[in-house]
Amino acid sequence: MNQREKEAYLREYSILKSQGKPFFPYAVAKDSLMAVVVMATIIVMAIVLGAELGPKVDPTTTTYTPRPEWYFFFLFEVLRVIKPSSLTPLAAIGVPTICMIILFLLPFYDRSPERRPERRPIAMAAAFFTIAAMAFLTYEGANAGSPNQIDMATPPGVVAAGGDTLRTFEDGRQVVAQSGCLACHKIGHNGGTIGPDLTDVGGRLARQAIDRTLENPTAPMPSYADLPAEKREAVVEFLAQLK
């Protein structure tokens, strides 16, 4: 902004200011009235519709799917996209912090006095990109699959075999997902990093070794000796096919 534009802006601002109304009590009164309307609406909705309460928490379940509040879905999706556990602090803290810094610095790299949107391309582009990115990430986070879901394709050899082999493999996939194995082990794209990665465990261990590990594992892994024989066989077959 050059000196002539600055003087024109200040002259126009002084004229508009002299024609306006003071912030107090006019703007304060309107804001207060709107706050009362919003609070009254929330109270009426709470009385008429009631607060939604889900079932009581079951501390023994292994199939619970944790979900953040809807306004954190975008950050939830960022955590899902950035897979390596070493980058989790960057996803949880670094990305939001960088975005906030860019937002705070907006008045410094877009110093145009214009208020019309079409005359502020930098500010409008930044606003559009931010809103579009958060909307997309929120949508993806809301429709994300369960972290207990084994996100990997069935091996071609199992698909080709079909029949009992394919049925046992899919049964084993379901038992592993429902048994809480992904809390510690990673299979495909989902799972924890406390225990060994089981994505290709069938190429490292024979079926007998996998079965012995399920029966007599190394702490802190729990024993699955009490698992019904049919389910245990399905788990062994599933893990043995991961190569």
C-alpha atoms as a PDB file:
ATOM      1  CA  MET A   1       0.000   0.000   0.000  1.00  0.00           C
ATOM      2  CA  ASN A   2       1.506   3.349  -1.043  1.00  0.00           C
ATOM      3  CA  GLN A   3       1.026   6.669   0.759  1.00  0.00           C
ATOM      4  CA  ARG A   4      -1.827   7.809  -1.507  1.00  0.00           C
ATOM      5  CA  GLU A   5      -3.817   4.603  -0.975  1.00  0.00           C
ATOM      6  CA  LYS A   6      -3.204   4.802   2.764  1.00  0.00           C
ATOM      7  CA  GLU A   7      -4.499   8.376   2.953  1.00  0.00           C
ATOM      8  CA  ALA A   8      -7.591   7.484   0.913  1.00  0.00           C
ATOM      9  CA  TYR A   9      -8.260   4.517   3.162  1.00  0.00           C
ATOM     10  CA  LEU A  10      -7.907   6.574   6.358  1.00  0.00           C
ATOM     11  CA  ARG A  11     -10.157   9.317   4.953  1.00  0.00           C
ATOM     12  CA  GLU A  12     -12.852   6.820   4.026  1.00  0.00           C
ATOM     13  CA  TYR A  13     -12.515   5.081   7.387  1.00  0.00           C
ATOM     14  CA  SER A  14     -12.954   8.349   9.326  1.00  0.00           C
ATOM     15  CA  ILE A  15     -16.116   9.178   7.353  1.00  0.00           C
ATOM     16  CA  LEU A  16     -17.634   5.748   7.957  1.00  0.00           C
ATOM     17  CA  LYS A  17     -16.662   5.866  11.631  1.00  0.00           C
ATOM     18  CA  SER A  18     -18.396   9.211  12.132  1.00  0.00           C
ATOM     19  CA  GLN A  19     -21.571   7.780  10.571  1.00  0.00           C
ATOM     20  CA  GLY A  20     -21.527   4.610  12.622  1.00  0.00           C
ATOM     21  CA  LYS A  21     -22.638   3.664  16.112  1.00  0.00           C
ATOM     22  CA  PRO A  22     -20.442   2.962  19.132  1.00  0.00           C
ATOM     23  CA  PHE A  23     -19.626  -0.631  20.018  1.00  0.00           C
ATOM     24  CA  PHE A  24     -21.222  -0.232  23.432  1.00  0.00           C
ATOM     25  CA  PRO A  25     -24.107  -0.643  23.889  1.00  0.00           C
ATOM     26  CA  TYR A  26     -25.282  -1.409  20.327  1.00  0.00           C
ATOM     27  CA  ALA A  27     -22.989  -4.266  19.288  1.00  0.00           C
ATOM     28  CA  VAL A  28     -22.848  -5.652  22.847  1.00  0.00           C
ATOM     29  CA  ALA A  29     -26.642  -5.707  23.021  1.00  0.00           C
ATOM     30  CA  LYS A  30     -26.976  -7.579  19.719  1.00  0.00           C
ATOM     31  CA  ASP A  31     -24.305 -10.115  20.699  1.00  0.00           C
ATOM     32  CA  SER A  32     -25.941 -10.652  24.080  1.00  0.00           C
ATOM     33  CA  LEU A  33     -29.362 -11.151  22.477  1.00  0.00           C
ATOM     34  CA  MET A  34     -27.943 -13.700  20.052  1.00  0.00           C
ATOM     35  CA  ALA A  35     -26.196 -15.543  22.895  1.00  0.00           C
ATOM     36  CA  VAL A  36     -29.503 -15.754  24.793  1.00  0.00           C
ATOM     37  CA  VAL A  37     -31.274 -17.120  21.681  1.00  0.00           C
ATOM     38  CA  VAL A  38     -28.596 -19.782  21.171  1.00  0.00           C
ATOM     39  CA  MET A  39     -28.629 -20.869  24.826  1.00  0.00           C
ATOM     40  CA  ALA A  40     -32.436 -20.982  24.870  1.00  0.00           C
ATOM     41  CA  THR A  41     -32.415 -23.133  21.725  1.00  0.00           C
ATOM     42  CA  ILE A  42     -29.910 -25.565  23.264  1.00  0.00           C
ATOM     43  CA  ILE A  43     -31.907 -25.797  26.503  1.00  0.00           C
ATOM     44  CA  VAL A  44     -35.186 -26.423  24.649  1.00  0.00           C
ATOM     45  CA  MET A  45     -33.580 -29.106  22.463  1.00  0.00           C
ATOM     46  CA  ALA A  46     -32.080 -30.783  25.551  1.00  0.00           C
ATOM     47  CA  ILE A  47     -35.467 -30.825  27.289  1.00  0.00           C
ATOM     48  CA  VAL A  48     -37.505 -31.939  24.283  1.00  0.00           C
ATOM     49  CA  LEU A  49     -35.068 -34.291  22.550  1.00  0.00           C
ATOM     50  CA  GLY A  50     -32.949 -35.293  25.526  1.00  0.00           C
ATOM     51  CA  ALA A  51     -29.250 -36.019  25.667  1.00  0.00           C
ATOM     52  CA  GLU A  52     -28.171 -39.083  23.730  1.00  0.00           C
ATOM     53  CA  LEU A  53     -26.789 -41.768  26.044  1.00  0.00           C
ATOM     54  CA  GLY A  54     -25.239 -44.922  24.707  1.00  0.00           C
ATOM     55  CA  PRO A  55     -24.987 -48.327  26.387  1.00  0.00           C
ATOM     56  CA  LYS A  56     -22.890 -48.753  29.511  1.00  0.00           C
ATOM     57  CA  VAL A  57     -19.180 -49.226  28.987  1.00  0.00           C
ATOM     58  CA  ASP A  58     -18.049 -52.852  28.848  1.00  0.00           C
ATOM     59  CA  PRO A  59     -14.408 -53.007  30.044  1.00  0.00           C
ATOM     60  CA  THR A  60     -14.052 -56.623  28.853  1.00  0.00           C
ATOM     61  CA  THR A  61     -14.832 -55.999  25.182  1.00  0.00           C
ATOM     62  CA  THR A  62     -12.097 -56.329  22.570  1.00  0.00           C
ATOM     63  CA  THR A  63     -14.172 -55.113  19.635  1.00  0.00           C
ATOM     64  CA  TYR A  64     -14.853 -51.541  20.781  1.00  0.00           C
ATOM     65  CA  THR A  65     -14.151 -49.042  18.020  1.00  0.00           C
ATOM     66  CA  PRO A  66     -12.888 -45.753  19.488  1.00  0.00           C
ATOM     67  CA  ARG A  67     -14.098 -42.625  17.773  1.00  0.00           C
ATOM     68  CA  PRO A  68     -13.315 -38.966  18.526  1.00  0.00           C
ATOM     69  CA  GLU A  69     -15.913 -36.219  18.552  1.00  0.00           C
ATOM     70  CA  TRP A  70     -16.974 -35.113  15.075  1.00  0.00           C
ATOM     71  CA  TYR A  71     -14.948 -31.890  15.204  1.00  0.00           C
ATOM     72  CA  PHE A  72     -11.763 -33.948  15.628  1.00  0.00           C
ATOM     73  CA  PHE A  73     -12.437 -36.257  12.680  1.00  0.00           C
ATOM     74  CA  PHE A  74     -10.018 -34.289  10.492  1.00  0.00           C
ATOM     75  CA  LEU A  75      -7.166 -34.832  12.952  1.00  0.00           C
ATOM     76  CA  PHE A  76      -8.222 -38.459  13.360  1.00  0.00           C
ATOM     77  CA  GLU A  77      -7.849 -38.924   9.599  1.00  0.00           C
ATOM     78  CA  VAL A  78      -4.430 -37.234   9.616  1.00  0.00           C
ATOM     79  CA  LEU A  79      -3.300 -39.784  12.218  1.00  0.00           C
ATOM     80  CA  ARG A  80      -4.596 -42.597   9.995  1.00  0.00           C
ATOM     81  CA  VAL A  81      -2.837 -41.248   6.903  1.00  0.00           C
ATOM     82  CA  ILE A  82       0.555 -40.854   8.605  1.00  0.00           C
ATOM     83  CA  LYS A  83       1.282 -44.526   9.310  1.00  0.00           C
ATOM     84  CA  PRO A  84       4.756 -44.667  10.992  1.00  0.00           C
ATOM     85  CA  SER A  85       4.456 -44.497  14.778  1.00  0.00           C
ATOM     86  CA  SER A  86       7.580 -42.323  14.910  1.00  0.00           C
ATOM     87  CA  LEU A  87       5.662 -39.599  13.052  1.00  0.00           C
ATOM     88  CA  THR A  88       2.635 -39.673  15.378  1.00  0.00           C
ATOM     89  CA  PRO A  89       3.780 -36.547  17.323  1.00  0.00           C
ATOM     90  CA  LEU A  90       4.135 -34.729  14.004  1.00  0.00           C
ATOM     91  CA  ALA A  91       0.602 -35.711  12.987  1.00  0.00           C
ATOM     92  CA  ALA A  92      -0.992 -34.938  16.355  1.00  0.00           C
ATOM     93  CA  ILE A  93       0.909 -31.762  17.247  1.00  0.00           C
ATOM     94  CA  GLY A  94       3.022 -30.604  14.309  1.00  0.00           C
ATOM     95  CA  VAL A  95       0.378 -30.457  11.561  1.00  0.00           C
ATOM     96  CA  PRO A  96      -2.228 -28.484  13.588  1.00  0.00           C
ATOM     97  CA  THR A  97       0.479 -26.165  14.917  1.00  0.00           C
ATOM     98  CA  ILE A  98       1.824 -25.432  11.431  1.00  0.00           C
ATOM     99  CA  CYS A  99      -1.699 -24.731  10.179  1.00  0.00           C
ATOM    100  CA  MET A 100      -2.387 -22.370  13.085  1.00  0.00           C
ATOM    101  CA  ILE A 101       0.890 -20.506  12.459  1.00  0.00           C
ATOM    102  CA  ILE A 102      -0.003 -20.076   8.781  1.00  0.00           C
ATOM    103  CA  LEU A 103      -3.429 -18.775   9.801  1.00  0.00           C
ATOM    104  CA  PHE A 104      -1.989 -16.309  12.338  1.00  0.00           C
ATOM    105  CA  LEU A 105       0.505 -15.017   9.758  1.00  0.00           C
ATOM    106  CA  LEU A 106      -2.217 -14.388   7.154  1.00  0.00           C
ATOM    107  CA  PRO A 107      -2.522 -10.631   7.971  1.00  0.00           C
ATOM    108  CA  PHE A 108       1.238 -10.236   7.430  1.00  0.00           C
ATOM    109  CA  TYR A 109       1.523 -11.767   3.956  1.00  0.00           C
ATOM    110  CA  ASP A 110      -1.834 -10.409   2.747  1.00  0.00           C
ATOM    111  CA  ARG A 111      -1.844  -6.734   3.702  1.00  0.00           C
ATOM    112  CA  SER A 112      -4.415  -5.581   1.192  1.00  0.00           C
ATOM    113  CA  PRO A 113      -6.982  -3.096   2.614  1.00  0.00           C
ATOM    114  CA  GLU A 114      -9.659  -4.489   0.314  1.00  0.00           C
ATOM    115  CA  ARG A 115     -12.632  -6.247   1.888  1.00  0.00           C
ATOM    116  CA  ARG A 116     -14.304  -7.535  -1.270  1.00  0.00           C
ATOM    117  CA  PRO A 117     -13.547 -11.276  -1.666  1.00  0.00           C
ATOM    118  CA  GLU A 118     -12.722 -11.054  -5.381  1.00  0.00           C
ATOM    119  CA  ARG A 119     -10.025  -8.478  -4.620  1.00  0.00           C
ATOM    120  CA  ARG A 120      -8.277 -10.618  -1.998  1.00  0.00           C
ATOM    121  CA  PRO A 121      -7.141 -13.690  -3.933  1.00  0.00           C
ATOM    122  CA  ILE A 122      -4.505 -14.811  -1.415  1.00  0.00           C
ATOM    123  CA  ALA A 123      -6.835 -14.701   1.575  1.00  0.00           C
ATOM    124  CA  MET A 124      -9.687 -16.337  -0.331  1.00  0.00           C
ATOM    125  CA  ALA A 125      -7.435 -19.062  -1.721  1.00  0.00           C
ATOM    126  CA  ALA A 126      -6.092 -19.814   1.760  1.00  0.00           C
ATOM    127  CA  ALA A 127      -9.615 -19.876   3.236  1.00  0.00           C
ATOM    128  CA  PHE A 128     -10.939 -22.107   0.441  1.00  0.00           C
ATOM    129  CA  PHE A 129      -8.029 -24.543   0.720  1.00  0.00           C
ATOM    130  CA  THR A 130      -8.340 -24.749   4.528  1.00  0.00           C
ATOM    131  CA  ILE A 131     -12.104 -25.307   4.491  1.00  0.00           C
ATOM    132  CA  ALA A 132     -11.895 -27.831   1.638  1.00  0.00           C
ATOM    133  CA  ALA A 133      -9.058 -29.772   3.311  1.00  0.00           C
ATOM    134  CA  MET A 134     -10.810 -29.919   6.696  1.00  0.00           C
ATOM    135  CA  ALA A 135     -14.116 -30.904   5.070  1.00  0.00           C
ATOM    136  CA  PHE A 136     -12.443 -33.706   3.104  1.00  0.00           C
ATOM    137  CA  LEU A 137     -10.501 -35.008   6.103  1.00  0.00           C
ATOM    138  CA  THR A 138     -13.619 -34.801   8.292  1.00  0.00           C
ATOM    139  CA  TYR A 139     -15.605 -36.826   5.763  1.00  0.00           C
ATOM    140  CA  GLU A 140     -12.862 -39.435   5.412  1.00  0.00           C
ATOM    141  CA  GLY A 141     -12.446 -39.653   9.198  1.00  0.00           C
ATOM    142  CA  ALA A 142     -16.190 -40.094   9.727  1.00  0.00           C
ATOM    143  CA  ASN A 143     -16.309 -42.928   7.196  1.00  0.00           C
ATOM    144  CA  ALA A 144     -13.048 -44.586   8.215  1.00  0.00           C
ATOM    145  CA  GLY A 145     -13.104 -48.288   8.888  1.00  0.00           C
ATOM    146  CA  SER A 146     -12.647 -49.817  12.294  1.00  0.00           C
ATOM    147  CA  PRO A 147      -9.065 -49.918  13.637  1.00  0.00           C
ATOM    148  CA  ASN A 148      -9.874 -53.522  14.583  1.00  0.00           C
ATOM    149  CA  GLN A 149     -10.448 -54.331  10.927  1.00  0.00           C
ATOM    150  CA  ILE A 150      -7.689 -56.253   9.144  1.00  0.00           C
ATOM    151  CA  ASP A 151      -7.080 -54.015   6.162  1.00  0.00           C
ATOM    152  CA  MET A 152      -5.329 -56.259   3.662  1.00  0.00           C
ATOM    153  CA  ALA A 153      -6.322 -58.215   0.581  1.00  0.00           C
ATOM    154  CA  THR A 154      -6.771 -61.964   0.641  1.00  0.00           C
ATOM    155  CA  PRO A 155      -3.652 -63.653  -0.829  1.00  0.00           C
ATOM    156  CA  PRO A 156      -4.130 -64.768  -4.469  1.00  0.00           C
ATOM    157  CA  GLY A 157      -3.203 -68.347  -3.566  1.00  0.00           C
ATOM    158  CA  VAL A 158      -6.030 -68.536  -1.027  1.00  0.00           C
ATOM    159  CA  VAL A 159      -8.508 -67.034  -3.484  1.00  0.00           C
ATOM    160  CA  ALA A 160      -7.423 -69.528  -6.148  1.00  0.00           C
ATOM    161  CA  ALA A 161      -7.778 -72.455  -3.734  1.00  0.00           C
ATOM    162  CA  GLY A 162     -11.288 -71.374  -2.718  1.00  0.00           C
ATOM    163  CA  GLY A 163     -13.557 -73.803  -0.861  1.00  0.00           C
ATOM    164  CA  ASP A 164     -12.595 -74.732   2.684  1.00  0.00           C
ATOM    165  CA  THR A 165      -9.237 -72.970   2.424  1.00  0.00           C
ATOM    166  CA  LEU A 166     -10.819 -69.603   1.664  1.00  0.00           C
ATOM    167  CA  ARG A 167     -13.582 -70.132   4.237  1.00  0.00           C
ATOM    168  CA  THR A 168     -11.086 -71.035   6.972  1.00  0.00           C
ATOM    169  CA  PHE A 169      -8.901 -68.052   6.055  1.00  0.00           C
ATOM    170  CA  GLU A 170     -11.821 -65.611   6.336  1.00  0.00           C
ATOM    171  CA  ASP A 171     -12.967 -67.217   9.609  1.00  0.00           C
ATOM    172  CA  GLY A 172      -9.448 -66.813  10.982  1.00  0.00           C
ATOM    173  CA  ARG A 173      -9.361 -63.171   9.866  1.00  0.00           C
ATOM    174  CA  GLN A 174     -12.562 -62.521  11.816  1.00  0.00           C
ATOM    175  CA  VAL A 175     -11.340 -64.315  14.964  1.00  0.00           C
ATOM    176  CA  VAL A 176      -8.027 -62.405  14.924  1.00  0.00           C
ATOM    177  CA  ALA A 177      -9.837 -59.086  14.483  1.00  0.00           C
ATOM    178  CA  GLN A 178     -12.278 -59.839  17.316  1.00  0.00           C
ATOM    179  CA  SER A 179      -9.623 -61.150  19.706  1.00  0.00           C
ATOM    180  CA  GLY A 180      -7.860 -57.821  20.112  1.00  0.00           C
ATOM    181  CA  CYS A 181      -4.663 -58.935  18.334  1.00  0.00           C
ATOM    182  CA  LEU A 182      -4.387 -55.595  16.511  1.00  0.00           C
ATOM    183  CA  ALA A 183      -3.951 -53.807  19.822  1.00  0.00           C
ATOM    184  CA  CYS A 184      -0.329 -55.011  19.808  1.00  0.00           C
ATOM    185  CA  HIS A 185       0.350 -56.495  16.354  1.00  0.00           C
ATOM    186  CA  LYS A 186       0.190 -54.855  12.959  1.00  0.00           C
ATOM    187  CA  ILE A 187      -1.417 -56.752  10.086  1.00  0.00           C
ATOM    188  CA  GLY A 188      -1.526 -54.926   6.789  1.00  0.00           C
ATOM    189  CA  HIS A 189      -2.200 -51.228   7.350  1.00  0.00           C
ATOM    190  CA  ASN A 190      -3.858 -51.427  10.793  1.00  0.00           C
ATOM    191  CA  GLY A 191      -2.611 -52.464  14.206  1.00  0.00           C
ATOM    192  CA  GLY A 192      -0.208 -51.589  16.968  1.00  0.00           C
ATOM    193  CA  THR A 193       3.543 -51.689  17.167  1.00  0.00           C
ATOM    194  CA  ILE A 194       4.050 -53.211  20.633  1.00  0.00           C
ATOM    195  CA  GLY A 195       4.359 -56.744  19.298  1.00  0.00           C
ATOM    196  CA  PRO A 196       5.949 -58.143  16.114  1.00  0.00           C
ATOM    197  CA  ASP A 197       4.467 -57.266  12.734  1.00  0.00           C
ATOM    198  CA  LEU A 198       2.342 -60.214  11.581  1.00  0.00           C
ATOM    199  CA  THR A 199       1.846 -59.059   7.982  1.00  0.00           C
ATOM    200  CA  ASP A 200       4.199 -61.769   6.679  1.00  0.00           C
ATOM    201  CA  VAL A 201       4.366 -64.069   9.712  1.00  0.00           C
ATOM    202  CA  GLY A 202       3.515 -67.114   7.568  1.00  0.00           C
ATOM    203  CA  GLY A 203       6.798 -66.686   5.730  1.00  0.00           C
ATOM    204  CA  ARG A 204       8.794 -66.675   8.972  1.00  0.00           C
ATOM    205  CA  LEU A 205       7.049 -69.339  11.065  1.00  0.00           C
ATOM    206  CA  ALA A 206       5.596 -72.739  10.250  1.00  0.00           C
ATOM    207  CA  ARG A 207       2.038 -73.664  11.257  1.00  0.00           C
ATOM    208  CA  GLN A 208       3.291 -75.717  14.207  1.00  0.00           C
ATOM    209  CA  ALA A 209       5.330 -72.786  15.513  1.00  0.00           C
ATOM    210  CA  ILE A 210       2.349 -70.427  15.216  1.00  0.00           C
ATOM    211  CA  ASP A 211       0.143 -72.928  17.064  1.00  0.00           C
ATOM    212  CA  ARG A 212       2.720 -73.325  19.864  1.00  0.00           C
ATOM    213  CA  THR A 213       2.994 -69.537  20.196  1.00  0.00           C
ATOM    214  CA  LEU A 214      -0.774 -69.228  20.601  1.00  0.00           C
ATOM    215  CA  GLU A 215      -0.752 -71.913  23.307  1.00  0.00           C
ATOM    216  CA  ASN A 216       2.380 -70.833  25.157  1.00  0.00           C
ATOM    217  CA  PRO A 217       3.243 -67.244  24.193  1.00  0.00           C
ATOM    218  CA  THR A 218       5.896 -64.945  25.582  1.00  0.00           C
ATOM    219  CA  ALA A 219       4.623 -62.370  28.093  1.00  0.00           C
ATOM    220  CA  PRO A 220       2.812 -60.029  27.950  1.00  0.00           C
ATOM    221  CA  MET A 221       0.897 -61.796  25.165  1.00  0.00           C
ATOM    222  CA  PRO A 222      -2.059 -63.747  26.621  1.00  0.00           C
ATOM    223  CA  SER A 223      -2.459 -67.452  25.979  1.00  0.00           C
ATOM    224  CA  TYR A 224      -5.097 -68.673  23.546  1.00  0.00           C
ATOM    225  CA  ALA A 225      -4.992 -72.262  24.775  1.00  0.00           C
ATOM    226  CA  ASP A 226      -8.653 -72.021  25.812  1.00  0.00           C
ATOM    227  CA  LEU A 227      -9.749 -70.890  22.358  1.00  0.00           C
ATOM    228  CA  PRO A 228     -12.144 -73.436  20.785  1.00  0.00           C
ATOM    229  CA  ALA A 229     -10.328 -75.862  18.504  1.00  0.00           C
ATOM    230  CA  GLU A 230     -12.197 -74.711  15.380  1.00  0.00           C
ATOM    231  CA  LYS A 231     -11.391 -71.048  15.960  1.00  0.00           C
ATOM    232  CA  ARG A 232      -7.810 -71.791  16.884  1.00  0.00           C
ATOM    233  CA  GLU A 233      -7.324 -73.803  13.712  1.00  0.00           C
ATOM    234  CA  ALA A 234      -8.789 -70.933  11.703  1.00  0.00           C
ATOM    235  CA  VAL A 235      -6.387 -68.468  13.349  1.00  0.00           C
ATOM    236  CA  VAL A 236      -3.384 -70.706  12.619  1.00  0.00           C
ATOM    237  CA  GLU A 237      -4.468 -71.145   9.014  1.00  0.00           C
ATOM    238  CA  PHE A 238      -5.008 -67.416   8.576  1.00  0.00           C
ATOM    239  CA  LEU A 239      -1.625 -66.463  10.017  1.00  0.00           C
ATOM    240  CA  ALA A 240       0.161 -69.215   8.107  1.00  0.00           C
ATOM    241  CA  GLN A 241      -1.150 -67.819   4.810  1.00  0.00           C
ATOM    242  CA  LEU A 242       0.297 -64.335   5.502  1.00  0.00           C
ATOM    243  CA  LYS A 243       3.467 -64.391   3.415  1.00  0.00           C
END
